[in-house]
């Protein structure tokens, strides 16, 4: 009987836009309102032109994906490409990443956080502006579900050392190996680095 009923169901309608504009920027998101299906959620902070997130969402329709990007042009690009691909499990929000993580995501709501090639702020006097710091690990621990993961990539060796240091100092996390399938899906920055012969670094941590 369930097979017969399933064939009668109409597919979810294509939204006019994949860009979600929160009704409030001081209250936690009502995540079920963003997607047609309730599924495990992955968030990319700083989604760029959407290269990684579009491909990952296409490969995994059984998950929902949310891209956070502060630049309007990049958010619109994610929207256009996602609509073209018919990705009903993808949404984008134009907002600063650290604010979104700390103030809009509900506790224990996220299965995976992806942060790829954030601004390294290489000058010593500017390192205080880096996204990945001790406070970031505390907030990540709050929004991740148990066994949820943080996946990181950078081309900056000093920033990579800082990423490893702050997560290893937080007892809520344990280092894990980045899955090979995930490693094979590249961002726009990563493709550029590879073309120039610039090595990239990656690490992942699981929420205990």
N, C-alpha and C. Protein backbone atom coordinates (compact mmCIF):
# COMPACT_ATOMS: atom_id res chain seq x y z
N UNK A 1 0.82 -1.21 0.00
CA UNK A 1 0.00 0.00 0.00
C UNK A 1 0.86 1.26 0.00
N UNK A 2 1.94 1.25 0.79
CA UNK A 2 2.77 2.47 0.87
C UNK A 2 3.43 2.78 -0.46
N UNK A 3 3.73 1.73 -1.28
CA UNK A 3 4.32 1.98 -2.59
C UNK A 3 3.33 2.68 -3.52
N UNK A 4 2.08 2.26 -3.45
CA UNK A 4 1.06 2.89 -4.29
C UNK A 4 0.87 4.34 -3.89
N UNK A 5 0.80 4.58 -2.60
CA UNK A 5 0.62 5.95 -2.13
C UNK A 5 1.82 6.83 -2.51
N UNK A 6 3.01 6.25 -2.43
CA UNK A 6 4.21 7.03 -2.72
C UNK A 6 4.22 7.49 -4.17
N UNK A 7 3.73 6.67 -5.08
CA UNK A 7 3.75 7.05 -6.49
C UNK A 7 2.77 8.17 -6.79
N UNK A 8 1.78 8.38 -5.93
CA UNK A 8 0.80 9.44 -6.15
C UNK A 8 1.28 10.80 -5.65
N UNK A 9 2.32 10.81 -4.86
CA UNK A 9 2.80 12.07 -4.29
C UNK A 9 3.47 12.91 -5.36
N UNK A 10 3.17 14.17 -5.33
CA UNK A 10 3.79 15.09 -6.27
C UNK A 10 5.12 15.57 -5.71
N UNK A 11 6.11 15.79 -6.57
CA UNK A 11 7.38 16.32 -6.08
C UNK A 11 7.21 17.71 -5.48
N UNK A 12 8.09 18.04 -4.54
CA UNK A 12 8.02 19.37 -3.92
C UNK A 12 8.23 20.45 -4.97
N UNK A 13 7.46 21.54 -4.91
CA UNK A 13 7.61 22.59 -5.92
C UNK A 13 8.96 23.29 -5.80
N UNK A 14 9.49 23.74 -6.92
CA UNK A 14 10.75 24.46 -6.95
C UNK A 14 10.54 25.86 -6.36
N UNK A 15 11.31 26.26 -5.36
CA UNK A 15 11.15 27.61 -4.80
C UNK A 15 11.62 28.67 -5.78
N UNK A 16 11.10 29.89 -5.60
CA UNK A 16 11.50 30.99 -6.47
C UNK A 16 12.96 31.37 -6.24
N UNK A 17 13.46 31.16 -5.03
CA UNK A 17 14.85 31.48 -4.69
C UNK A 17 15.31 30.54 -3.59
N UNK A 18 16.60 30.21 -3.62
CA UNK A 18 17.19 29.40 -2.55
C UNK A 18 17.78 30.27 -1.45
N UNK A 19 17.76 31.57 -1.63
CA UNK A 19 18.27 32.49 -0.61
C UNK A 19 17.20 32.67 0.46
N UNK A 20 17.57 32.37 1.70
CA UNK A 20 16.62 32.52 2.82
C UNK A 20 16.94 33.79 3.58
N UNK A 21 15.93 34.59 3.81
CA UNK A 21 16.08 35.84 4.55
C UNK A 21 15.38 35.69 5.89
N UNK A 22 16.15 35.54 6.97
CA UNK A 22 15.53 35.33 8.29
C UNK A 22 14.60 36.47 8.66
N UNK A 23 13.50 36.13 9.31
CA UNK A 23 12.56 37.16 9.77
C UNK A 23 13.13 37.95 10.94
N UNK A 24 14.10 37.35 11.64
CA UNK A 24 14.77 38.03 12.75
C UNK A 24 16.25 37.65 12.75
N UNK A 25 17.08 38.62 13.09
CA UNK A 25 18.52 38.36 13.19
C UNK A 25 18.99 38.31 14.64
N UNK A 26 18.03 38.21 15.55
CA UNK A 26 18.37 38.12 16.97
C UNK A 26 17.73 36.89 17.61
N UNK A 27 17.01 36.09 16.81
CA UNK A 27 16.39 34.87 17.31
C UNK A 27 16.93 33.66 16.53
N UNK A 28 16.92 32.51 17.16
CA UNK A 28 17.38 31.29 16.51
C UNK A 28 16.47 30.94 15.33
N UNK A 29 17.08 30.35 14.30
CA UNK A 29 16.31 29.95 13.13
C UNK A 29 15.34 28.82 13.46
N UNK A 30 14.20 28.86 12.82
CA UNK A 30 13.26 27.74 12.83
C UNK A 30 13.62 26.89 11.62
N UNK A 31 14.56 25.98 11.79
CA UNK A 31 15.13 25.26 10.65
C UNK A 31 14.12 24.47 9.82
N UNK A 32 13.08 23.87 10.40
CA UNK A 32 12.11 23.15 9.55
C UNK A 32 11.45 24.03 8.50
N UNK A 33 11.45 25.34 8.70
CA UNK A 33 10.82 26.24 7.72
C UNK A 33 11.68 26.42 6.47
N UNK A 34 12.95 26.10 6.56
CA UNK A 34 13.86 26.37 5.45
C UNK A 34 13.78 25.33 4.34
N UNK A 35 13.45 24.09 4.71
CA UNK A 35 13.56 22.98 3.75
C UNK A 35 12.25 22.20 3.66
N UNK A 36 11.97 21.59 2.49
CA UNK A 36 10.75 20.80 2.36
C UNK A 36 10.78 19.50 3.15
N UNK A 37 11.98 18.98 3.45
CA UNK A 37 12.11 17.74 4.22
C UNK A 37 12.95 17.97 5.46
N UNK A 38 12.61 17.28 6.53
CA UNK A 38 13.42 17.30 7.74
C UNK A 38 14.52 16.26 7.60
N UNK A 39 15.75 16.72 7.41
CA UNK A 39 16.89 15.84 7.19
C UNK A 39 18.09 16.38 7.95
N UNK A 40 19.13 15.55 8.16
CA UNK A 40 20.35 16.06 8.81
C UNK A 40 20.90 17.27 8.07
N UNK A 41 21.38 18.24 8.83
CA UNK A 41 21.81 19.51 8.27
C UNK A 41 23.32 19.67 8.30
N UNK A 42 23.88 20.10 7.18
CA UNK A 42 25.30 20.50 7.10
C UNK A 42 25.35 21.97 6.73
N UNK A 43 26.31 22.68 7.30
CA UNK A 43 26.46 24.12 7.08
C UNK A 43 27.87 24.41 6.60
N UNK A 44 27.98 25.20 5.53
CA UNK A 44 29.29 25.69 5.10
C UNK A 44 29.39 27.16 5.44
N UNK A 45 30.36 27.52 6.24
CA UNK A 45 30.60 28.91 6.62
C UNK A 45 31.60 29.51 5.64
N UNK A 46 31.14 30.50 4.87
CA UNK A 46 31.96 31.07 3.81
C UNK A 46 31.90 30.19 2.58
N UNK A 47 30.73 30.14 1.95
CA UNK A 47 30.52 29.19 0.86
C UNK A 47 31.07 29.65 -0.48
N UNK A 48 31.60 30.87 -0.56
CA UNK A 48 32.22 31.34 -1.79
C UNK A 48 31.25 31.30 -2.95
N UNK A 49 31.70 30.77 -4.10
CA UNK A 49 30.81 30.68 -5.26
C UNK A 49 29.95 29.42 -5.24
N UNK A 50 30.04 28.66 -4.15
CA UNK A 50 29.19 27.48 -4.00
C UNK A 50 29.72 26.21 -4.62
N UNK A 51 30.94 26.23 -5.14
CA UNK A 51 31.47 25.06 -5.85
C UNK A 51 31.38 23.79 -5.02
N UNK A 52 31.85 23.85 -3.78
CA UNK A 52 31.81 22.66 -2.94
C UNK A 52 30.38 22.30 -2.57
N UNK A 53 29.64 23.26 -2.08
CA UNK A 53 28.33 22.97 -1.52
C UNK A 53 27.35 22.45 -2.57
N UNK A 54 27.40 23.02 -3.76
CA UNK A 54 26.52 22.56 -4.84
C UNK A 54 26.76 21.08 -5.17
N UNK A 55 28.03 20.72 -5.28
CA UNK A 55 28.35 19.32 -5.62
C UNK A 55 28.01 18.38 -4.46
N UNK A 56 28.29 18.80 -3.24
CA UNK A 56 28.03 17.94 -2.08
C UNK A 56 26.52 17.75 -1.87
N UNK A 57 25.76 18.81 -2.10
CA UNK A 57 24.30 18.72 -1.98
C UNK A 57 23.73 17.84 -3.09
N UNK A 58 24.31 17.92 -4.29
CA UNK A 58 23.85 17.09 -5.40
C UNK A 58 24.09 15.61 -5.10
N UNK A 59 25.24 15.31 -4.49
CA UNK A 59 25.57 13.92 -4.19
C UNK A 59 24.77 13.35 -3.02
N UNK A 60 24.29 14.23 -2.15
CA UNK A 60 23.65 13.75 -0.92
C UNK A 60 22.28 14.38 -0.73
N UNK A 61 21.30 13.95 -1.52
CA UNK A 61 19.94 14.48 -1.37
C UNK A 61 19.28 14.10 -0.05
N UNK A 62 19.88 13.16 0.69
CA UNK A 62 19.32 12.74 1.97
C UNK A 62 19.73 13.68 3.11
N UNK A 63 20.47 14.73 2.79
CA UNK A 63 20.84 15.75 3.77
C UNK A 63 20.40 17.13 3.28
N UNK A 64 20.22 18.05 4.21
CA UNK A 64 19.99 19.45 3.88
C UNK A 64 21.29 20.22 4.03
N UNK A 65 21.44 21.27 3.22
CA UNK A 65 22.69 22.04 3.20
C UNK A 65 22.39 23.54 3.24
N UNK A 66 23.18 24.24 4.03
CA UNK A 66 23.00 25.67 4.20
C UNK A 66 24.35 26.36 4.00
N UNK A 67 24.41 27.28 3.04
CA UNK A 67 25.64 28.02 2.76
C UNK A 67 25.55 29.43 3.31
N UNK A 68 26.55 29.83 4.09
CA UNK A 68 26.58 31.16 4.69
C UNK A 68 27.68 31.96 4.01
N UNK A 69 27.31 33.10 3.45
CA UNK A 69 28.26 33.93 2.71
C UNK A 69 27.86 35.39 2.85
N UNK A 70 28.81 36.25 3.18
CA UNK A 70 28.47 37.66 3.40
C UNK A 70 28.41 38.47 2.12
N UNK A 71 29.00 37.99 1.03
CA UNK A 71 29.02 38.75 -0.22
C UNK A 71 27.79 38.41 -1.07
N UNK A 72 27.06 39.45 -1.47
CA UNK A 72 25.81 39.26 -2.19
C UNK A 72 26.01 38.54 -3.52
N UNK A 73 27.03 38.94 -4.28
CA UNK A 73 27.25 38.32 -5.58
C UNK A 73 27.46 36.83 -5.49
N UNK A 74 28.21 36.38 -4.48
CA UNK A 74 28.45 34.95 -4.31
C UNK A 74 27.18 34.22 -3.88
N UNK A 75 26.40 34.86 -3.01
CA UNK A 75 25.14 34.25 -2.59
C UNK A 75 24.19 34.08 -3.77
N UNK A 76 24.13 35.08 -4.64
CA UNK A 76 23.29 34.99 -5.82
C UNK A 76 23.76 33.90 -6.78
N UNK A 77 25.07 33.72 -6.86
CA UNK A 77 25.60 32.66 -7.72
C UNK A 77 25.19 31.29 -7.20
N UNK A 78 25.27 31.10 -5.90
CA UNK A 78 24.81 29.84 -5.29
C UNK A 78 23.34 29.62 -5.60
N UNK A 79 22.55 30.67 -5.52
CA UNK A 79 21.13 30.60 -5.79
C UNK A 79 20.86 30.18 -7.24
N UNK A 80 21.50 30.84 -8.19
CA UNK A 80 21.28 30.55 -9.61
C UNK A 80 21.66 29.11 -9.95
N UNK A 81 22.83 28.70 -9.50
CA UNK A 81 23.30 27.36 -9.83
C UNK A 81 22.47 26.29 -9.14
N UNK A 82 22.10 26.55 -7.88
CA UNK A 82 21.29 25.58 -7.15
C UNK A 82 19.92 25.38 -7.76
N UNK A 83 19.30 26.48 -8.22
CA UNK A 83 18.00 26.38 -8.89
C UNK A 83 18.12 25.63 -10.20
N UNK A 84 19.21 25.90 -10.94
CA UNK A 84 19.42 25.23 -12.22
C UNK A 84 19.54 23.71 -12.02
N UNK A 85 20.16 23.31 -10.91
CA UNK A 85 20.35 21.89 -10.61
C UNK A 85 19.14 21.27 -9.90
N UNK A 86 18.17 22.09 -9.53
CA UNK A 86 16.99 21.59 -8.85
C UNK A 86 17.27 21.07 -7.45
N UNK A 87 18.16 21.73 -6.73
CA UNK A 87 18.57 21.27 -5.41
C UNK A 87 17.61 21.80 -4.33
N UNK A 88 16.59 21.04 -4.05
CA UNK A 88 15.62 21.44 -3.04
C UNK A 88 16.19 21.33 -1.62
N UNK A 89 17.30 20.64 -1.47
CA UNK A 89 17.92 20.46 -0.16
C UNK A 89 19.00 21.50 0.13
N UNK A 90 19.01 22.59 -0.62
CA UNK A 90 20.05 23.62 -0.48
C UNK A 90 19.42 24.99 -0.25
N UNK A 91 20.00 25.75 0.70
CA UNK A 91 19.61 27.13 0.94
C UNK A 91 20.86 27.97 1.20
N UNK A 92 20.76 29.25 0.96
CA UNK A 92 21.86 30.17 1.24
C UNK A 92 21.37 31.34 2.08
N UNK A 93 22.23 31.81 2.95
CA UNK A 93 21.92 33.00 3.77
C UNK A 93 23.08 33.97 3.65
N UNK A 94 22.77 35.22 3.39
CA UNK A 94 23.81 36.25 3.31
C UNK A 94 24.01 36.84 4.71
N UNK A 95 25.13 36.48 5.33
CA UNK A 95 25.39 36.92 6.69
C UNK A 95 26.85 36.64 7.05
N UNK A 96 27.34 37.31 8.03
CA UNK A 96 28.71 37.08 8.51
C UNK A 96 28.74 35.76 9.28
N UNK A 97 29.74 34.94 9.01
CA UNK A 97 29.75 33.55 9.47
C UNK A 97 29.74 33.40 10.98
N UNK A 98 30.60 34.12 11.68
CA UNK A 98 30.69 33.93 13.12
C UNK A 98 29.41 34.36 13.83
N UNK A 99 28.77 35.43 13.34
CA UNK A 99 27.50 35.87 13.94
C UNK A 99 26.43 34.81 13.72
N UNK A 100 26.35 34.30 12.51
CA UNK A 100 25.36 33.27 12.20
C UNK A 100 25.54 32.06 13.10
N UNK A 101 26.77 31.60 13.24
CA UNK A 101 27.05 30.42 14.04
C UNK A 101 26.64 30.60 15.50
N UNK A 102 26.95 31.76 16.05
CA UNK A 102 26.73 31.96 17.48
C UNK A 102 25.30 32.35 17.83
N UNK A 103 24.64 33.09 16.96
CA UNK A 103 23.36 33.67 17.35
C UNK A 103 22.13 33.14 16.60
N UNK A 104 22.30 32.49 15.45
CA UNK A 104 21.13 32.05 14.69
C UNK A 104 20.93 30.53 14.67
N UNK A 105 21.99 29.76 14.80
CA UNK A 105 21.83 28.31 14.78
C UNK A 105 21.34 27.79 16.13
N UNK A 106 20.32 26.96 16.15
CA UNK A 106 19.87 26.37 17.41
C UNK A 106 20.90 25.37 17.95
N UNK A 107 20.92 25.16 19.25
CA UNK A 107 21.84 24.17 19.84
C UNK A 107 21.59 22.77 19.28
N UNK A 108 22.67 22.03 19.05
CA UNK A 108 22.61 20.63 18.62
C UNK A 108 21.71 20.44 17.39
N UNK A 109 21.89 21.30 16.42
CA UNK A 109 21.04 21.24 15.23
C UNK A 109 21.79 20.83 13.97
N UNK A 110 23.13 20.74 14.04
CA UNK A 110 23.94 20.59 12.84
C UNK A 110 24.73 19.28 12.89
N UNK A 111 24.73 18.57 11.76
CA UNK A 111 25.49 17.33 11.66
C UNK A 111 26.93 17.57 11.23
N UNK A 112 27.17 18.62 10.44
CA UNK A 112 28.53 18.90 9.96
C UNK A 112 28.71 20.39 9.69
N UNK A 113 29.88 20.89 10.05
CA UNK A 113 30.29 22.25 9.72
C UNK A 113 31.47 22.16 8.76
N UNK A 114 31.40 22.87 7.65
CA UNK A 114 32.48 22.92 6.67
C UNK A 114 33.01 24.35 6.62
N UNK A 115 34.32 24.49 6.86
CA UNK A 115 34.97 25.80 6.78
C UNK A 115 36.21 25.63 5.93
N UNK A 116 36.15 26.13 4.70
CA UNK A 116 37.22 25.89 3.74
C UNK A 116 37.83 27.20 3.27
N UNK A 117 39.12 27.34 3.54
CA UNK A 117 39.93 28.47 3.11
C UNK A 117 39.38 29.81 3.61
N UNK A 118 39.14 29.90 4.93
CA UNK A 118 38.76 31.21 5.49
C UNK A 118 39.96 32.16 5.40
N UNK A 119 39.68 33.44 5.44
CA UNK A 119 40.74 34.46 5.35
C UNK A 119 41.80 34.16 6.42
N UNK A 120 43.07 33.94 6.01
CA UNK A 120 44.10 33.58 6.98
C UNK A 120 44.63 34.74 7.81
N UNK A 121 44.32 35.99 7.41
CA UNK A 121 44.86 37.15 8.12
C UNK A 121 46.33 36.90 8.50
N UNK A 122 47.21 36.82 7.52
CA UNK A 122 48.59 36.36 7.78
C UNK A 122 49.45 37.27 8.65
N UNK A 123 49.17 38.58 8.67
CA UNK A 123 49.97 39.47 9.50
C UNK A 123 49.67 39.22 10.97
N UNK A 124 50.73 39.19 11.79
CA UNK A 124 50.56 38.86 13.20
C UNK A 124 49.55 39.78 13.89
N UNK A 125 49.57 41.07 13.57
CA UNK A 125 48.67 42.01 14.23
C UNK A 125 47.21 41.81 13.84
N UNK A 126 46.97 41.06 12.76
CA UNK A 126 45.61 40.84 12.29
C UNK A 126 45.05 39.47 12.67
N UNK A 127 45.84 38.63 13.30
CA UNK A 127 45.41 37.25 13.56
C UNK A 127 44.20 37.18 14.50
N UNK A 128 43.95 38.24 15.23
CA UNK A 128 42.78 38.27 16.11
C UNK A 128 41.48 38.24 15.32
N UNK A 129 41.54 38.52 14.03
CA UNK A 129 40.34 38.51 13.19
C UNK A 129 40.04 37.13 12.60
N UNK A 130 40.90 36.17 12.80
CA UNK A 130 40.67 34.84 12.24
C UNK A 130 39.40 34.21 12.79
N UNK A 131 38.68 33.52 11.91
CA UNK A 131 37.42 32.88 12.30
C UNK A 131 37.64 31.74 13.28
N UNK A 132 38.67 30.91 13.02
CA UNK A 132 38.91 29.73 13.86
C UNK A 132 39.81 30.12 15.03
N UNK A 133 39.22 30.15 16.22
CA UNK A 133 39.91 30.53 17.45
C UNK A 133 39.28 29.76 18.60
N UNK A 134 39.75 29.91 19.84
CA UNK A 134 39.16 29.15 20.94
C UNK A 134 37.66 29.34 21.09
N UNK A 135 37.18 30.57 20.92
CA UNK A 135 35.75 30.83 21.04
C UNK A 135 34.96 30.07 19.97
N UNK A 136 35.52 29.99 18.77
CA UNK A 136 34.84 29.26 17.69
C UNK A 136 34.60 27.80 18.08
N UNK A 137 35.59 27.16 18.70
CA UNK A 137 35.42 25.76 19.08
C UNK A 137 34.30 25.59 20.11
N UNK A 138 34.15 26.55 21.00
CA UNK A 138 33.09 26.48 22.01
C UNK A 138 31.71 26.60 21.37
N UNK A 139 31.57 27.53 20.43
CA UNK A 139 30.28 27.70 19.77
C UNK A 139 29.98 26.50 18.87
N UNK A 140 31.00 25.99 18.18
CA UNK A 140 30.80 24.82 17.34
C UNK A 140 30.32 23.63 18.17
N UNK A 141 30.87 23.46 19.35
CA UNK A 141 30.45 22.37 20.23
C UNK A 141 28.98 22.52 20.63
N UNK A 142 28.49 23.74 20.72
CA UNK A 142 27.10 23.99 21.12
C UNK A 142 26.13 23.66 19.99
N UNK A 143 26.49 23.98 18.74
CA UNK A 143 25.52 23.81 17.64
C UNK A 143 25.58 22.41 17.02
N UNK A 144 26.68 21.70 17.20
CA UNK A 144 26.81 20.37 16.61
C UNK A 144 26.08 19.31 17.43
N UNK A 145 25.51 18.35 16.72
CA UNK A 145 24.96 17.18 17.38
C UNK A 145 26.11 16.29 17.85
N UNK A 146 25.90 15.44 18.84
CA UNK A 146 26.93 14.46 19.19
C UNK A 146 27.30 13.62 17.98
N UNK A 147 28.58 13.41 17.77
CA UNK A 147 29.14 12.72 16.61
C UNK A 147 29.10 13.58 15.35
N UNK A 148 28.71 14.85 15.48
CA UNK A 148 28.82 15.78 14.36
C UNK A 148 30.26 16.18 14.15
N UNK A 149 30.57 16.69 12.96
CA UNK A 149 31.97 16.94 12.61
C UNK A 149 32.20 18.37 12.15
N UNK A 150 33.43 18.83 12.38
CA UNK A 150 33.93 20.09 11.82
C UNK A 150 35.02 19.72 10.82
N UNK A 151 34.88 20.17 9.58
CA UNK A 151 35.85 19.87 8.53
C UNK A 151 36.50 21.17 8.07
N UNK A 152 37.83 21.20 8.09
CA UNK A 152 38.59 22.42 7.85
C UNK A 152 39.61 22.23 6.74
N UNK A 153 39.81 23.30 5.95
CA UNK A 153 40.86 23.32 4.93
C UNK A 153 41.46 24.72 4.87
N UNK A 154 42.77 24.78 4.57
CA UNK A 154 43.45 26.05 4.39
C UNK A 154 44.73 25.82 3.60
N UNK A 155 45.24 26.90 3.04
CA UNK A 155 46.54 26.83 2.37
C UNK A 155 47.62 27.49 3.21
N UNK A 156 47.25 28.01 4.39
CA UNK A 156 48.17 28.75 5.25
C UNK A 156 48.64 27.85 6.39
N UNK A 157 49.94 27.54 6.43
CA UNK A 157 50.47 26.60 7.42
C UNK A 157 50.32 27.11 8.85
N UNK A 158 50.49 28.42 9.04
CA UNK A 158 50.35 28.98 10.39
C UNK A 158 48.91 28.89 10.87
N UNK A 159 47.98 29.20 9.99
CA UNK A 159 46.56 29.11 10.36
C UNK A 159 46.19 27.65 10.60
N UNK A 160 46.73 26.74 9.82
CA UNK A 160 46.46 25.31 10.01
C UNK A 160 46.92 24.87 11.40
N UNK A 161 48.08 25.34 11.81
CA UNK A 161 48.58 25.01 13.15
C UNK A 161 47.64 25.55 14.23
N UNK A 162 47.12 26.75 14.01
CA UNK A 162 46.18 27.33 14.97
C UNK A 162 44.87 26.53 15.01
N UNK A 163 44.37 26.14 13.86
CA UNK A 163 43.15 25.33 13.81
C UNK A 163 43.31 24.05 14.63
N UNK A 164 44.42 23.36 14.39
CA UNK A 164 44.69 22.12 15.13
C UNK A 164 44.81 22.39 16.63
N UNK A 165 45.50 23.44 16.98
CA UNK A 165 45.75 23.73 18.39
C UNK A 165 44.46 24.00 19.16
N UNK A 166 43.61 24.87 18.63
CA UNK A 166 42.42 25.25 19.39
C UNK A 166 41.42 24.09 19.50
N UNK A 167 41.31 23.27 18.48
CA UNK A 167 40.38 22.14 18.57
C UNK A 167 40.92 21.04 19.48
N UNK A 168 42.23 20.81 19.45
CA UNK A 168 42.80 19.79 20.32
C UNK A 168 42.75 20.20 21.78
N UNK A 169 42.70 21.49 22.05
CA UNK A 169 42.60 21.97 23.43
C UNK A 169 41.18 21.92 23.97
N UNK A 170 40.20 21.73 23.09
CA UNK A 170 38.81 21.65 23.52
C UNK A 170 38.45 20.18 23.73
N UNK A 171 38.13 19.81 24.95
CA UNK A 171 37.86 18.41 25.28
C UNK A 171 36.60 17.85 24.63
N UNK A 172 35.81 18.71 24.01
CA UNK A 172 34.58 18.25 23.35
C UNK A 172 34.85 17.64 21.98
N UNK A 173 36.12 17.73 21.50
CA UNK A 173 36.43 17.28 20.15
C UNK A 173 37.56 16.27 20.13
N UNK A 174 37.51 15.42 19.10
CA UNK A 174 38.59 14.47 18.82
C UNK A 174 38.88 14.50 17.33
N UNK A 175 40.16 14.49 16.98
CA UNK A 175 40.55 14.53 15.56
C UNK A 175 40.18 13.22 14.87
N UNK A 176 39.69 13.34 13.63
CA UNK A 176 39.34 12.18 12.81
C UNK A 176 39.91 12.39 11.41
N UNK A 177 39.91 11.33 10.62
CA UNK A 177 40.37 11.42 9.25
C UNK A 177 39.27 11.98 8.35
N UNK A 178 39.65 12.87 7.45
CA UNK A 178 38.69 13.41 6.50
C UNK A 178 38.32 12.31 5.49
N UNK A 179 37.02 12.01 5.31
CA UNK A 179 36.62 10.97 4.36
C UNK A 179 37.14 11.26 2.95
N UNK A 180 37.53 10.23 2.24
CA UNK A 180 38.12 10.41 0.91
C UNK A 180 37.14 11.05 -0.06
N UNK A 181 35.85 10.68 0.03
CA UNK A 181 34.87 11.29 -0.88
C UNK A 181 34.79 12.79 -0.65
N UNK A 182 34.80 13.19 0.61
CA UNK A 182 34.74 14.61 0.94
C UNK A 182 35.98 15.34 0.44
N UNK A 183 37.15 14.74 0.60
CA UNK A 183 38.39 15.35 0.15
C UNK A 183 38.40 15.59 -1.35
N UNK A 184 37.67 14.75 -2.09
CA UNK A 184 37.68 14.85 -3.54
C UNK A 184 36.80 15.94 -4.09
N UNK A 185 35.97 16.57 -3.26
CA UNK A 185 35.10 17.66 -3.72
C UNK A 185 35.78 18.98 -3.39
N UNK A 186 36.18 19.72 -4.42
CA UNK A 186 37.03 20.89 -4.25
C UNK A 186 36.23 22.19 -4.28
N UNK A 187 36.76 23.19 -3.62
CA UNK A 187 36.21 24.54 -3.71
C UNK A 187 36.87 25.27 -4.88
N UNK A 188 36.34 26.45 -5.20
CA UNK A 188 36.95 27.25 -6.27
C UNK A 188 38.36 27.67 -5.89
N UNK A 189 38.58 28.04 -4.63
CA UNK A 189 39.92 28.41 -4.17
C UNK A 189 40.88 27.23 -4.30
N UNK A 190 40.40 26.06 -3.93
CA UNK A 190 41.26 24.88 -3.93
C UNK A 190 41.71 24.52 -5.34
N UNK A 191 40.82 24.63 -6.30
CA UNK A 191 41.21 24.36 -7.68
C UNK A 191 42.28 25.34 -8.15
N UNK A 192 42.15 26.60 -7.73
CA UNK A 192 43.16 27.59 -8.09
C UNK A 192 44.51 27.28 -7.46
N UNK A 193 44.50 26.86 -6.20
CA UNK A 193 45.75 26.51 -5.53
C UNK A 193 46.41 25.31 -6.22
N UNK A 194 45.62 24.33 -6.57
CA UNK A 194 46.16 23.14 -7.23
C UNK A 194 46.77 23.50 -8.58
N UNK A 195 46.12 24.40 -9.32
CA UNK A 195 46.64 24.81 -10.62
C UNK A 195 47.99 25.51 -10.50
N UNK A 196 48.20 26.19 -9.37
CA UNK A 196 49.47 26.90 -9.14
C UNK A 196 50.50 26.04 -8.41
N UNK A 197 50.12 24.83 -8.05
CA UNK A 197 51.03 23.96 -7.33
C UNK A 197 51.14 24.28 -5.86
N UNK A 198 50.18 25.03 -5.31
CA UNK A 198 50.19 25.39 -3.90
C UNK A 198 49.55 24.28 -3.07
N UNK A 199 50.26 23.71 -2.10
CA UNK A 199 49.68 22.63 -1.30
C UNK A 199 48.57 23.15 -0.39
N UNK A 200 47.57 22.31 -0.17
CA UNK A 200 46.50 22.65 0.76
C UNK A 200 46.49 21.66 1.91
N UNK A 201 45.96 22.09 3.03
CA UNK A 201 45.97 21.31 4.26
C UNK A 201 44.55 21.12 4.74
N UNK A 202 44.27 19.96 5.34
CA UNK A 202 42.92 19.68 5.80
C UNK A 202 42.95 18.86 7.07
N UNK A 203 41.92 19.04 7.89
CA UNK A 203 41.80 18.30 9.13
C UNK A 203 40.32 18.29 9.51
N UNK A 204 39.91 17.30 10.29
CA UNK A 204 38.52 17.20 10.74
C UNK A 204 38.49 16.78 12.21
N UNK A 205 37.44 17.21 12.90
CA UNK A 205 37.26 16.88 14.31
C UNK A 205 35.81 16.48 14.54
N UNK A 206 35.61 15.48 15.39
CA UNK A 206 34.26 15.01 15.70
C UNK A 206 33.86 15.51 17.08
N UNK A 207 32.59 15.85 17.21
CA UNK A 207 32.02 16.28 18.49
C UNK A 207 31.71 15.07 19.35
N UNK A 208 32.30 15.00 20.54
CA UNK A 208 32.13 13.84 21.41
C UNK A 208 30.79 13.89 22.15
